[in-house]
PDB file of N, CA and C in Angstrom:
ATOM      1  N   UNK A   1     -22.908  -9.022  -4.589  1.00  0.00           N
ATOM      2  CA  UNK A   1     -21.418  -9.064  -4.816  1.00  0.00           C
ATOM      3  C   UNK A   1     -21.222  -7.372  -5.501  1.00  0.00           C
ATOM      4  N   UNK A   2     -20.014  -7.404  -4.987  1.00  0.00           N
ATOM      5  CA  UNK A   2     -19.807  -5.323  -5.738  1.00  0.00           C
ATOM      6  C   UNK A   2     -18.460  -5.065  -6.406  1.00  0.00           C
ATOM      7  N   UNK A   3     -18.607  -5.518  -7.545  1.00  0.00           N
ATOM      8  CA  UNK A   3     -16.711  -5.611  -8.456  1.00  0.00           C
ATOM      9  C   UNK A   3     -16.703  -4.099  -8.900  1.00  0.00           C
ATOM     10  N   UNK A   4     -15.376  -3.697  -8.364  1.00  0.00           N
ATOM     11  CA  UNK A   4     -15.170  -2.850  -9.161  1.00  0.00           C
ATOM     12  C   UNK A   4     -13.496  -3.169  -9.994  1.00  0.00           C
ATOM     13  N   UNK A   5     -13.351  -1.815 -11.166  1.00  0.00           N
ATOM     14  CA  UNK A   5     -12.145  -2.497 -11.732  1.00  0.00           C
ATOM     15  C   UNK A   5     -11.093  -1.858 -12.423  1.00  0.00           C
ATOM     16  N   UNK A   6     -10.091  -2.221 -12.488  1.00  0.00           N
ATOM     17  CA  UNK A   6      -8.810  -0.514 -12.488  1.00  0.00           C
ATOM     18  C   UNK A   6      -8.427  -1.407 -13.891  1.00  0.00           C
ATOM     19  N   UNK A   7      -8.435  -0.511 -14.853  1.00  0.00           N
ATOM     20  CA  UNK A   7      -8.458  -0.471 -16.066  1.00  0.00           C
ATOM     21  C   UNK A   7      -6.660  -0.679 -16.262  1.00  0.00           C
ATOM     22  N   UNK A   8      -5.633  -2.100 -17.070  1.00  0.00           N
ATOM     23  CA  UNK A   8      -4.673  -1.895 -17.163  1.00  0.00           C
ATOM     24  C   UNK A   8      -4.646  -2.153 -18.534  1.00  0.00           C
ATOM     25  N   UNK A   9      -3.062  -2.072 -19.625  1.00  0.00           N
ATOM     26  CA  UNK A   9      -2.937  -2.166 -20.785  1.00  0.00           C
ATOM     27  C   UNK A   9      -1.994  -3.753 -20.150  1.00  0.00           C
ATOM     28  N   UNK A  10      -2.961  -4.471 -20.641  1.00  0.00           N
ATOM     29  CA  UNK A  10      -2.567  -6.314 -20.483  1.00  0.00           C
ATOM     30  C   UNK A  10      -3.004  -6.783 -21.858  1.00  0.00           C
ATOM     31  N   UNK A  11      -2.784  -7.771 -22.870  1.00  0.00           N
ATOM     32  CA  UNK A  11      -3.317  -8.241 -24.049  1.00  0.00           C
ATOM     33  C   UNK A  11      -4.201 -10.022 -22.673  1.00  0.00           C
ATOM     34  N   UNK A  12      -3.516 -10.212 -21.655  1.00  0.00           N
ATOM     35  CA  UNK A  12      -4.007 -11.206 -21.207  1.00  0.00           C
ATOM     36  C   UNK A  12      -5.625 -10.739 -20.861  1.00  0.00           C
ATOM     37  N   UNK A  13      -6.671 -12.165 -21.130  1.00  0.00           N
ATOM     38  CA  UNK A  13      -7.922 -12.041 -21.379  1.00  0.00           C
ATOM     39  C   UNK A  13      -8.390 -12.053 -19.897  1.00  0.00           C
ATOM     40  N   UNK A  14      -9.587 -11.467 -19.411  1.00  0.00           N
ATOM     41  CA  UNK A  14     -10.381 -11.753 -18.060  1.00  0.00           C
ATOM     42  C   UNK A  14     -11.526 -12.496 -19.087  1.00  0.00           C
ATOM     43  N   UNK A  15     -11.723 -13.606 -18.021  1.00  0.00           N
ATOM     44  CA  UNK A  15     -13.149 -13.983 -18.353  1.00  0.00           C
ATOM     45  C   UNK A  15     -13.688 -14.435 -16.817  1.00  0.00           C
ATOM     46  N   UNK A  16     -14.723 -14.119 -16.543  1.00  0.00           N
ATOM     47  CA  UNK A  16     -15.491 -13.746 -15.052  1.00  0.00           C
ATOM     48  C   UNK A  16     -16.111 -14.605 -14.920  1.00  0.00           C
ATOM     49  N   UNK A  17     -17.135 -15.350 -14.625  1.00  0.00           N
ATOM     50  CA  UNK A  17     -18.050 -15.731 -13.878  1.00  0.00           C
ATOM     51  C   UNK A  17     -18.170 -15.607 -12.514  1.00  0.00           C
ATOM     52  N   UNK A  18     -19.334 -15.771 -11.685  1.00  0.00           N
ATOM     53  CA  UNK A  18     -19.690 -15.983 -10.708  1.00  0.00           C
ATOM     54  C   UNK A  18     -20.413 -17.055 -10.181  1.00  0.00           C
ATOM     55  N   UNK A  19     -20.740 -17.025  -8.667  1.00  0.00           N
ATOM     56  CA  UNK A  19     -21.632 -18.520  -8.284  1.00  0.00           C
ATOM     57  C   UNK A  19     -21.903 -18.090  -6.945  1.00  0.00           C
ATOM     58  N   UNK A  20     -22.715 -17.227  -6.225  1.00  0.00           N
ATOM     59  CA  UNK A  20     -22.875 -16.728  -5.024  1.00  0.00           C
ATOM     60  C   UNK A  20     -21.429 -16.247  -4.437  1.00  0.00           C
ATOM     61  N   UNK A  21     -21.568 -16.466  -3.236  1.00  0.00           N
ATOM     62  CA  UNK A  21     -19.968 -16.089  -3.126  1.00  0.00           C
ATOM     63  C   UNK A  21     -18.689 -16.510  -3.905  1.00  0.00           C
ATOM     64  N   UNK A  22     -18.741 -16.888  -5.074  1.00  0.00           N
ATOM     65  CA  UNK A  22     -17.750 -17.336  -5.312  1.00  0.00           C
ATOM     66  C   UNK A  22     -17.475 -17.230  -6.835  1.00  0.00           C
ATOM     67  N   UNK A  23     -16.431 -16.670  -7.099  1.00  0.00           N
ATOM     68  CA  UNK A  23     -16.109 -15.487  -8.519  1.00  0.00           C
ATOM     69  C   UNK A  23     -14.897 -16.847  -8.798  1.00  0.00           C
ATOM     70  N   UNK A  24     -14.854 -16.890 -10.431  1.00  0.00           N
ATOM     71  CA  UNK A  24     -13.684 -17.540 -10.921  1.00  0.00           C
ATOM     72  C   UNK A  24     -13.494 -16.746 -12.049  1.00  0.00           C
ATOM     73  N   UNK A  25     -11.968 -16.478 -11.871  1.00  0.00           N
ATOM     74  CA  UNK A  25     -11.411 -15.853 -12.463  1.00  0.00           C
ATOM     75  C   UNK A  25     -10.597 -16.320 -13.548  1.00  0.00           C
ATOM     76  N   UNK A  26     -10.662 -16.470 -15.048  1.00  0.00           N
ATOM     77  CA  UNK A  26      -9.952 -17.463 -16.057  1.00  0.00           C
ATOM     78  C   UNK A  26      -9.885 -18.944 -15.258  1.00  0.00           C
ATOM     79  N   UNK A  27     -10.809 -19.310 -15.379  1.00  0.00           N
ATOM     80  CA  UNK A  27     -10.812 -20.738 -14.089  1.00  0.00           C
ATOM     81  C   UNK A  27     -10.437 -21.079 -13.167  1.00  0.00           C
ATOM     82  N   UNK A  28     -10.294 -19.863 -12.409  1.00  0.00           N
ATOM     83  CA  UNK A  28      -9.624 -20.021 -11.198  1.00  0.00           C
ATOM     84  C   UNK A  28     -10.776 -19.700 -10.371  1.00  0.00           C
ATOM     85  N   UNK A  29     -11.213 -20.583  -9.351  1.00  0.00           N
ATOM     86  CA  UNK A  29     -12.131 -20.662  -8.616  1.00  0.00           C
ATOM     87  C   UNK A  29     -11.812 -20.136  -7.258  1.00  0.00           C
ATOM     88  N   UNK A  30     -12.221 -19.051  -7.084  1.00  0.00           N
ATOM     89  CA  UNK A  30     -12.030 -18.037  -5.429  1.00  0.00           C
ATOM     90  C   UNK A  30     -13.226 -17.536  -4.500  1.00  0.00           C
ATOM     91  N   UNK A  31     -13.361 -18.803  -3.522  1.00  0.00           N
ATOM     92  CA  UNK A  31     -14.367 -18.739  -3.036  1.00  0.00           C
ATOM     93  C   UNK A  31     -13.551 -17.922  -1.847  1.00  0.00           C
ATOM     94  N   UNK A  32     -15.673 -16.993  -1.976  1.00  0.00           N
ATOM     95  CA  UNK A  32     -14.816 -16.054  -0.766  1.00  0.00           C
ATOM     96  C   UNK A  32     -16.234 -16.180   0.364  1.00  0.00           C
ATOM     97  N   UNK A  33     -16.989 -17.215   0.417  1.00  0.00           N
ATOM     98  CA  UNK A  33     -18.043 -17.193   1.531  1.00  0.00           C
ATOM     99  C   UNK A  33     -17.638 -17.435   3.145  1.00  0.00           C
ATOM    100  N   UNK A  34     -16.281 -18.150   2.868  1.00  0.00           N
ATOM    101  CA  UNK A  34     -16.065 -17.701   4.537  1.00  0.00           C
ATOM    102  C   UNK A  34     -15.634 -16.321   4.906  1.00  0.00           C
ATOM    103  N   UNK A  35     -15.762 -15.217   4.115  1.00  0.00           N
ATOM    104  CA  UNK A  35     -15.395 -14.261   4.467  1.00  0.00           C
ATOM    105  C   UNK A  35     -16.153 -13.701   5.321  1.00  0.00           C
ATOM    106  N   UNK A  36     -16.770 -13.159   7.019  1.00  0.00           N
ATOM    107  CA  UNK A  36     -17.440 -12.889   7.847  1.00  0.00           C
ATOM    108  C   UNK A  36     -17.581 -11.488   7.458  1.00  0.00           C
ATOM    109  N   UNK A  37     -18.663 -11.053   7.707  1.00  0.00           N
ATOM    110  CA  UNK A  37     -19.811  -9.544   7.995  1.00  0.00           C
ATOM    111  C   UNK A  37     -18.129  -8.372   8.336  1.00  0.00           C
ATOM    112  N   UNK A  38     -17.912  -7.547   8.032  1.00  0.00           N
ATOM    113  CA  UNK A  38     -16.949  -6.322   8.587  1.00  0.00           C
ATOM    114  C   UNK A  38     -15.729  -6.760   8.455  1.00  0.00           C
ATOM    115  N   UNK A  39     -15.028  -7.937   7.873  1.00  0.00           N
ATOM    116  CA  UNK A  39     -13.831  -8.648   7.598  1.00  0.00           C
ATOM    117  C   UNK A  39     -13.520  -8.167   6.450  1.00  0.00           C
ATOM    118  N   UNK A  40     -11.858  -8.742   6.124  1.00  0.00           N
ATOM    119  CA  UNK A  40     -11.317  -8.307   5.237  1.00  0.00           C
ATOM    120  C   UNK A  40     -10.146  -9.188   4.571  1.00  0.00           C
ATOM    121  N   UNK A  41      -9.963  -9.294   3.471  1.00  0.00           N
ATOM    122  CA  UNK A  41      -8.783 -10.580   3.267  1.00  0.00           C
ATOM    123  C   UNK A  41      -8.144  -9.870   2.178  1.00  0.00           C
ATOM    124  N   UNK A  42      -6.953  -9.931   3.076  1.00  0.00           N
ATOM    125  CA  UNK A  42      -5.769  -9.459   2.103  1.00  0.00           C
ATOM    126  C   UNK A  42      -5.570 -10.188   0.424  1.00  0.00           C
ATOM    127  N   UNK A  43      -5.420  -9.263  -0.385  1.00  0.00           N
ATOM    128  CA  UNK A  43      -4.872  -9.804  -1.763  1.00  0.00           C
ATOM    129  C   UNK A  43      -3.351 -10.527  -1.779  1.00  0.00           C
ATOM    130  N   UNK A  44      -2.561 -10.481  -0.910  1.00  0.00           N
ATOM    131  CA  UNK A  44      -1.985 -11.495  -1.376  1.00  0.00           C
ATOM    132  C   UNK A  44      -2.426 -13.234  -0.718  1.00  0.00           C
ATOM    133  N   UNK A  45      -3.479 -13.135   0.597  1.00  0.00           N
ATOM    134  CA  UNK A  45      -3.517 -14.266   0.827  1.00  0.00           C
ATOM    135  C   UNK A  45      -4.794 -15.185  -0.204  1.00  0.00           C
ATOM    136  N   UNK A  46      -4.777 -13.919  -1.313  1.00  0.00           N
ATOM    137  CA  UNK A  46      -5.930 -14.826  -2.508  1.00  0.00           C
ATOM    138  C   UNK A  46      -5.412 -15.337  -3.407  1.00  0.00           C
ATOM    139  N   UNK A  47      -4.004 -14.502  -3.794  1.00  0.00           N
ATOM    140  CA  UNK A  47      -2.870 -15.650  -5.052  1.00  0.00           C
ATOM    141  C   UNK A  47      -3.718 -15.298  -6.102  1.00  0.00           C
ATOM    142  N   UNK A  48      -4.247 -14.262  -6.684  1.00  0.00           N
ATOM    143  CA  UNK A  48      -4.908 -14.582  -7.858  1.00  0.00           C
ATOM    144  C   UNK A  48      -4.675 -13.204  -8.894  1.00  0.00           C
ATOM    145  N   UNK A  49      -3.686 -13.057  -9.842  1.00  0.00           N
ATOM    146  CA  UNK A  49      -3.789 -11.803 -10.063  1.00  0.00           C
ATOM    147  C   UNK A  49      -4.175 -10.788 -10.424  1.00  0.00           C
ATOM    148  N   UNK A  50      -6.017 -11.000 -10.776  1.00  0.00           N
ATOM    149  CA  UNK A  50      -6.490  -9.869 -11.490  1.00  0.00           C
ATOM    150  C   UNK A  50      -7.190  -9.220 -10.464  1.00  0.00           C
ATOM    151  N   UNK A  51      -7.373  -9.950  -8.468  1.00  0.00           N
ATOM    152  CA  UNK A  51      -7.430  -9.147  -7.755  1.00  0.00           C
ATOM    153  C   UNK A  51      -6.657  -8.363  -7.418  1.00  0.00           C
ATOM    154  N   UNK A  52      -6.769  -7.066  -7.037  1.00  0.00           N
ATOM    155  CA  UNK A  52      -6.278  -5.914  -7.333  1.00  0.00           C
ATOM    156  C   UNK A  52      -5.551  -5.431  -5.437  1.00  0.00           C
ATOM    157  N   UNK A  53      -7.177  -5.531  -5.101  1.00  0.00           N
ATOM    158  CA  UNK A  53      -6.956  -4.610  -3.776  1.00  0.00           C
ATOM    159  C   UNK A  53      -7.497  -6.230  -2.508  1.00  0.00           C
ATOM    160  N   UNK A  54      -7.197  -5.498  -1.762  1.00  0.00           N
ATOM    161  CA  UNK A  54      -7.829  -6.820  -0.035  1.00  0.00           C
ATOM    162  C   UNK A  54      -9.453  -6.605  -0.861  1.00  0.00           C
ATOM    163  N   UNK A  55     -10.171  -8.258  -0.605  1.00  0.00           N
ATOM    164  CA  UNK A  55     -11.542  -7.985  -0.648  1.00  0.00           C
ATOM    165  C   UNK A  55     -12.574  -7.895   0.935  1.00  0.00           C
ATOM    166  N   UNK A  56     -13.203  -7.401   0.712  1.00  0.00           N
ATOM    167  CA  UNK A  56     -13.976  -6.450   1.978  1.00  0.00           C
ATOM    168  C   UNK A  56     -15.745  -7.583   2.190  1.00  0.00           C
ATOM    169  N   UNK A  57     -16.189  -7.490   2.975  1.00  0.00           N
ATOM    170  CA  UNK A  57     -17.273  -7.809   2.852  1.00  0.00           C
ATOM    171  C   UNK A  57     -18.304  -6.394   4.193  1.00  0.00           C
ATOM    172  N   UNK A  58     -19.008  -6.215   3.471  1.00  0.00           N
ATOM    173  CA  UNK A  58     -19.480  -4.800   3.831  1.00  0.00           C
ATOM    174  C   UNK A  58     -21.039  -5.093   4.213  1.00  0.00           C
ATOM    175  N   UNK A  59     -21.830  -5.589   5.240  1.00  0.00           N
ATOM    176  CA  UNK A  59     -23.145  -5.119   5.105  1.00  0.00           C
ATOM    177  C   UNK A  59     -23.650  -6.519   4.655  1.00  0.00           C
ATOM    178  N   UNK A  60     -22.930  -7.348   4.532  1.00  0.00           N
ATOM    179  CA  UNK A  60     -23.262  -8.589   3.668  1.00  0.00           C
ATOM    180  C   UNK A  60     -23.007  -8.894   2.361  1.00  0.00           C
ATOM    181  N   UNK A  61     -22.165  -7.690   1.698  1.00  0.00           N
ATOM    182  CA  UNK A  61     -21.750  -7.410   0.477  1.00  0.00           C
ATOM    183  C   UNK A  61     -20.324  -7.641   0.366  1.00  0.00           C
ATOM    184  N   UNK A  62     -20.046  -8.507  -1.006  1.00  0.00           N
ATOM    185  CA  UNK A  62     -18.307  -8.734  -0.904  1.00  0.00           C
ATOM    186  C   UNK A  62     -18.322  -7.993  -2.038  1.00  0.00           C
ATOM    187  N   UNK A  63     -16.883  -6.688  -1.524  1.00  0.00           N
ATOM    188  CA  UNK A  63     -16.489  -5.609  -2.095  1.00  0.00           C
ATOM    189  C   UNK A  63     -15.137  -6.014  -2.848  1.00  0.00           C
ATOM    190  N   UNK A  64     -14.951  -6.183  -4.000  1.00  0.00           N
ATOM    191  CA  UNK A  64     -13.893  -6.406  -4.708  1.00  0.00           C
ATOM    192  C   UNK A  64     -13.070  -5.727  -5.886  1.00  0.00           C
ATOM    193  N   UNK A  65     -12.063  -6.054  -6.156  1.00  0.00           N
ATOM    194  CA  UNK A  65     -10.978  -4.793  -7.244  1.00  0.00           C
ATOM    195  C   UNK A  65     -10.983  -5.810  -8.588  1.00  0.00           C
ATOM    196  N   UNK A  66     -10.547  -5.821  -9.672  1.00  0.00           N
ATOM    197  CA  UNK A  66     -10.360  -6.661 -10.420  1.00  0.00           C
ATOM    198  C   UNK A  66      -9.723  -5.771 -11.583  1.00  0.00           C
ATOM    199  N   UNK A  67      -8.521  -6.118 -11.727  1.00  0.00           N
ATOM    200  CA  UNK A  67      -7.968  -5.614 -12.704  1.00  0.00           C
ATOM    201  C   UNK A  67      -8.811  -5.874 -14.188  1.00  0.00           C
ATOM    202  N   UNK A  68      -8.771  -4.778 -15.130  1.00  0.00           N
ATOM    203  CA  UNK A  68      -9.552  -4.627 -16.289  1.00  0.00           C
ATOM    204  C   UNK A  68      -8.846  -4.896 -17.071  1.00  0.00           C
ATOM    205  N   UNK A  69      -8.328  -6.022 -18.071  1.00  0.00           N
ATOM    206  CA  UNK A  69      -6.956  -6.076 -19.188  1.00  0.00           C
ATOM    207  C   UNK A  69      -8.047  -4.946 -20.610  1.00  0.00           C
ATOM    208  N   UNK A  70      -6.981  -4.176 -21.338  1.00  0.00           N
ATOM    209  CA  UNK A  70      -7.397  -3.513 -22.646  1.00  0.00           C
ATOM    210  C   UNK A  70      -6.174  -3.268 -23.202  1.00  0.00           C
ATOM    211  N   UNK A  71      -6.597  -3.591 -24.565  1.00  0.00           N
ATOM    212  CA  UNK A  71      -5.575  -3.229 -25.764  1.00  0.00           C
ATOM    213  C   UNK A  71      -5.404  -1.717 -25.339  1.00  0.00           C
ATOM    214  N   UNK A  72      -4.282  -1.470 -26.791  1.00  0.00           N
ATOM    215  CA  UNK A  72      -3.621  -0.179 -26.918  1.00  0.00           C
ATOM    216  C   UNK A  72      -4.889   1.152 -26.726  1.00  0.00           C
ATOM    217  N   UNK A  73      -6.143   0.870 -27.393  1.00  0.00           N
ATOM    218  CA  UNK A  73      -6.994   1.802 -27.545  1.00  0.00           C
ATOM    219  C   UNK A  73      -8.151   1.237 -26.799  1.00  0.00           C
ATOM    220  N   UNK A  74      -8.052   1.392 -25.811  1.00  0.00           N
ATOM    221  CA  UNK A  74      -9.723   1.184 -24.928  1.00  0.00           C
ATOM    222  C   UNK A  74     -10.896   2.392 -25.118  1.00  0.00           C
ATOM    223  N   UNK A  75     -11.925   1.814 -25.205  1.00  0.00           N
ATOM    224  CA  UNK A  75     -12.932   2.445 -25.296  1.00  0.00           C
ATOM    225  C   UNK A  75     -13.160   3.441 -24.510  1.00  0.00           C
ATOM    226  N   UNK A  76     -14.138   4.672 -23.893  1.00  0.00           N
ATOM    227  CA  UNK A  76     -14.665   4.898 -22.510  1.00  0.00           C
ATOM    228  C   UNK A  76     -15.044   4.562 -21.655  1.00  0.00           C
ATOM    229  N   UNK A  77     -15.731   3.006 -22.531  1.00  0.00           N
ATOM    230  CA  UNK A  77     -16.140   2.687 -21.076  1.00  0.00           C
ATOM    231  C   UNK A  77     -15.584   1.548 -20.868  1.00  0.00           C
ATOM    232  N   UNK A  78     -14.315   1.003 -21.883  1.00  0.00           N
ATOM    233  CA  UNK A  78     -13.369   0.287 -20.897  1.00  0.00           C
ATOM    234  C   UNK A  78     -12.274   1.008 -20.167  1.00  0.00           C
ATOM    235  N   UNK A  79     -11.970   2.762 -20.585  1.00  0.00           N
ATOM    236  CA  UNK A  79     -11.232   3.271 -19.511  1.00  0.00           C
ATOM    237  C   UNK A  79     -11.806   3.682 -18.145  1.00  0.00           C
ATOM    238  N   UNK A  80     -12.815   3.500 -18.170  1.00  0.00           N
ATOM    239  CA  UNK A  80     -13.719   4.523 -16.938  1.00  0.00           C
ATOM    240  C   UNK A  80     -15.367   3.528 -16.653  1.00  0.00           C
ATOM    241  N   UNK A  81     -14.677   2.156 -16.510  1.00  0.00           N
ATOM    242  CA  UNK A  81     -15.394   1.038 -16.443  1.00  0.00           C
ATOM    243  C   UNK A  81     -16.251   0.938 -15.303  1.00  0.00           C
ATOM    244  N   UNK A  82     -17.532   0.732 -15.713  1.00  0.00           N
ATOM    245  CA  UNK A  82     -18.723   1.023 -14.330  1.00  0.00           C
ATOM    246  C   UNK A  82     -18.379   0.105 -13.624  1.00  0.00           C
ATOM    247  N   UNK A  83     -19.476   0.068 -12.166  1.00  0.00           N
ATOM    248  CA  UNK A  83     -18.900  -1.279 -11.656  1.00  0.00           C
ATOM    249  C   UNK A  83     -19.972  -2.123 -11.376  1.00  0.00           C
ATOM    250  N   UNK A  84     -20.032  -3.405 -11.385  1.00  0.00           N
ATOM    251  CA  UNK A  84     -20.759  -4.158 -11.364  1.00  0.00           C
ATOM    252  C   UNK A  84     -21.815  -4.518  -9.909  1.00  0.00           C
ATOM    253  N   UNK A  85     -22.764  -4.193 -10.077  1.00  0.00           N
ATOM    254  CA  UNK A  85     -23.309  -4.444  -8.218  1.00  0.00           C
ATOM    255  C   UNK A  85     -24.336  -5.527  -8.620  1.00  0.00           C
ATOM    256  N   UNK A  86     -24.053  -6.253  -7.800  1.00  0.00           N
ATOM    257  CA  UNK A  86     -25.083  -7.423  -7.464  1.00  0.00           C
ATOM    258  C   UNK A  86     -25.668  -8.273  -8.488  1.00  0.00           C
ATOM    259  N   UNK A  87     -24.364  -8.560  -9.708  1.00  0.00           N
ATOM    260  CA  UNK A  87     -24.477  -9.176 -11.169  1.00  0.00           C
ATOM    261  C   UNK A  87     -25.023 -10.666 -10.721  1.00  0.00           C
ATOM    262  N   UNK A  88     -25.463 -11.278 -11.628  1.00  0.00           N
ATOM    263  CA  UNK A  88     -26.122 -12.205 -11.559  1.00  0.00           C
ATOM    264  C   UNK A  88     -25.356 -13.653 -11.544  1.00  0.00           C
ATOM    265  N   UNK A  89     -25.581 -14.826 -11.300  1.00  0.00           N
ATOM    266  CA  UNK A  89     -24.858 -15.804 -11.747  1.00  0.00           C
ATOM    267  C   UNK A  89     -24.459 -16.190 -12.865  1.00  0.00           C
ATOM    268  N   UNK A  90     -23.619 -16.551 -13.193  1.00  0.00           N
ATOM    269  CA  UNK A  90     -23.470 -17.140 -14.188  1.00  0.00           C
ATOM    270  C   UNK A  90     -22.155 -16.109 -15.106  1.00  0.00           C
ATOM    271  N   UNK A  91     -21.734 -16.352 -16.645  1.00  0.00           N
ATOM    272  CA  UNK A  91     -20.647 -15.532 -16.640  1.00  0.00           C
ATOM    273  C   UNK A  91     -20.907 -14.166 -16.923  1.00  0.00           C
ATOM    274  N   UNK A  92     -20.074 -13.350 -16.751  1.00  0.00           N
ATOM    275  CA  UNK A  92     -19.707 -11.973 -16.612  1.00  0.00           C
ATOM    276  C   UNK A  92     -19.992 -10.952 -17.719  1.00  0.00           C
ATOM    277  N   UNK A  93     -20.706 -10.079 -17.955  1.00  0.00           N
ATOM    278  CA  UNK A  93     -20.365  -9.087 -19.274  1.00  0.00           C
ATOM    279  C   UNK A  93     -19.342  -8.482 -18.564  1.00  0.00           C
ATOM    280  N   UNK A  94     -18.376  -7.972 -19.102  1.00  0.00           N
ATOM    281  CA  UNK A  94     -17.037  -6.928 -18.753  1.00  0.00           C
ATOM    282  C   UNK A  94     -16.676  -5.882 -19.843  1.00  0.00           C
ATOM    283  N   UNK A  95     -16.995  -4.849 -19.510  1.00  0.00           N
ATOM    284  CA  UNK A  95     -16.628  -3.722 -20.439  1.00  0.00           C
ATOM    285  C   UNK A  95     -15.564  -3.961 -21.943  1.00  0.00           C
ATOM    286  N   UNK A  96     -14.844  -4.759 -21.614  1.00  0.00           N
ATOM    287  CA  UNK A  96     -13.771  -5.393 -22.646  1.00  0.00           C
ATOM    288  C   UNK A  96     -14.116  -6.140 -23.837  1.00  0.00           C
ATOM    289  N   UNK A  97     -15.763  -6.368 -23.282  1.00  0.00           N
ATOM    290  CA  UNK A  97     -16.030  -7.150 -24.788  1.00  0.00           C
ATOM    291  C   UNK A  97     -16.371  -6.444 -25.328  1.00  0.00           C
ATOM    292  N   UNK A  98     -15.603  -6.987 -27.106  1.00  0.00           N
ATOM    293  CA  UNK A  98     -16.088  -6.343 -28.243  1.00  0.00           C
ATOM    294  C   UNK A  98     -16.404  -5.236 -27.709  1.00  0.00           C
ATOM    295  N   UNK A  99     -15.849  -4.599 -27.128  1.00  0.00           N
ATOM    296  CA  UNK A  99     -15.498  -2.419 -26.933  1.00  0.00           C
ATOM    297  C   UNK A  99     -14.385  -1.436 -27.610  1.00  0.00           C
ATOM    298  N   UNK A 100     -13.760  -2.194 -27.819  1.00  0.00           N
ATOM    299  CA  UNK A 100     -12.413  -1.768 -28.009  1.00  0.00           C
ATOM    300  C   UNK A 100     -12.457  -1.588 -29.447  1.00  0.00           C
ATOM    301  N   UNK A 101     -11.356   0.229 -30.065  1.00  0.00           N
ATOM    302  CA  UNK A 101     -11.391   0.405 -30.935  1.00  0.00           C
ATOM    303  C   UNK A 101     -10.597  -0.602 -32.243  1.00  0.00           C
TER     304      UNK A 101
END
């Protein structure tokens, strides 16, 4: 799984976890296991407000972009977040956790 972020000024928190091809976004379970290689799933078919672009599976790897909420004074780490590449299963540490000024 390859997760990219799109920072956005928003007070709503983001809690993210992974279990294989399942991504859990604020307790919303999004099962992407049925997406075949080379295919794309439109964001409108997913129904989660944090997924900001179509999800793709490229060479066996899921690629998704999530909105990354932040407060009024985000740190550089939050404003320009690094991608999460092949994160482990479990709760994922995000740049917005304890990094804002």
